[in-house]
Amino acid sequence: MATTIIITITVLVLLAYFFDITSSWTKLPSVILLLVVGWGLHYASGKFGYRIANLEPLLPILGTIGLILIVLEGSLELDLNRKKIPILIKASLGALLPLLAFVFGFAGFINYYFDYSFQVSLINAIPLGVISSAIAIPSASNLPKEDQELVIYESSLSDIFGVILFNFFTLNKIIDGEATFEFTIDITLMIVISFTATVVLSMLIGRIEKHVKFMPILMLVILIYAVAKEFHLPSLVFVMILGLFLGNIDEMVHLRFMHWLNPASLEKEVKRMKEILAEGSFLIRSLFFILFGFLLNIRDLLNLKTMIWTLGIVVFILTLRTIQLLIMRIPMIPMVTLAPRGLITILLFLSIEPTNNIEIVNKSLIIQVIVVMAIIMTLGLMSYKKPTEAIVSKANPGPQIPPISPQA
């Protein structure tokens, strides 16, 4: 039995790697294929009579670790300098404004037509309003660098804003000035903790000479995240700050405190850390989506009662996305489709207390929105041609019929 499990897991991971390296050629996001593989595995296990333990409790654990690694990996790749200010502003507005418009719009609809309190409606709307960095970041790998950066910033900030909003409305029974003030203090405290922890971790990375050090560092990152989350602090802020700091050491060498961190050694170690982080996030992300596909119930996916709501939500998301791109003068294809829902949507949905659950926002609706948005993103990426590809196709339009010579 143990050998069978080992063989299955290794084959699945190798399949995930194959999907990852061929995605630039097939233009199929690996997440779609991983979901299909997971569902196929579930179907095959039932067909051949294999009994598998309940794996659903693993989903939020893998999801949380995956979210930390993906946001950290993405923020490590971002450059912070004056040239990046315009793209940072675009990404911040692109992450926040559509999120607020969707959440308050959908919550208002639920509150008006289904007579739930506005706060409960907001809590249920937030998971569907957040862009999934776990899907968006790897799917943008074949886009031009500027578009990649925008997707990384936008999706990571969307995760952070979504978690902050969700915590604010779930942790405060009464939304008033006092609750807002306390929440502002929590965010300020988290920023202070993040900078302190970032300096300490950076010092450890630069000065530890042991062969094994990155795994303990990553465990410390996950520990700080989990402890901060336990105290209801916006812990993703810490992950983002840590990644941005480590990824931009060369921009900060002139700061006085940097000599304590041994920046020359630290920069070399961060390059090694990026490689290990890429391997880890690939593994956790792959296992998460295979597991999600495995737990996917075909009845939830084909639930006709929620399908009409799903289509309405998808249209609302794409409408807001179109307006955002038009205002910001960003090319429509494929960016309009790069607003997937996924890992963070599942994590926030599973975090809703039973007393705040409402009938319309159920498991079927969440699954359908995630799958439909993933399919739309796939079609958008498949229809997209890089500028170089477009130039080549114009330069080589295919066989031409030569003009008839007047002498013929």
Foldseek 3Di string as FASTA:
>chain_A
DVVVVVVVLVVLLVVLVVCLVCCLVVVAQSLLVLLVLLQVVLVVCVVVVNDDPDCVVVQLVLLLLLLLLLLLLLLLQDEDDPVCVVLLVLLLCLLPVQLVCQLQVQLVVCCVPVVDDSLLSSLLRLLLSAFASLRLQSSCPNAPPSVNNSSSSNNLSNLLVSLLSNLLSVVDPDDDPVSVVVSVVLAVVLVVVLVVVLLVLLLQLQPDPDPDDLVVSSVVLSVQLVVSVVVSHSSSVSSSVNSNCLSHLVVCVPDPVCVSSVSVSSNVSVVVSSVVSVVVSSSSSSVNSSNVSNPDDVCLQPVPVLVVVLVVSLVSLLVSLVVSCVVVVHDVFPSSLSRARDSSSVNSVVVDDPVSDDDNSDPSSSVNNRSVSSVSNSVRSVPDDHPVRVVVCVVPVDDDDDDDDPVD
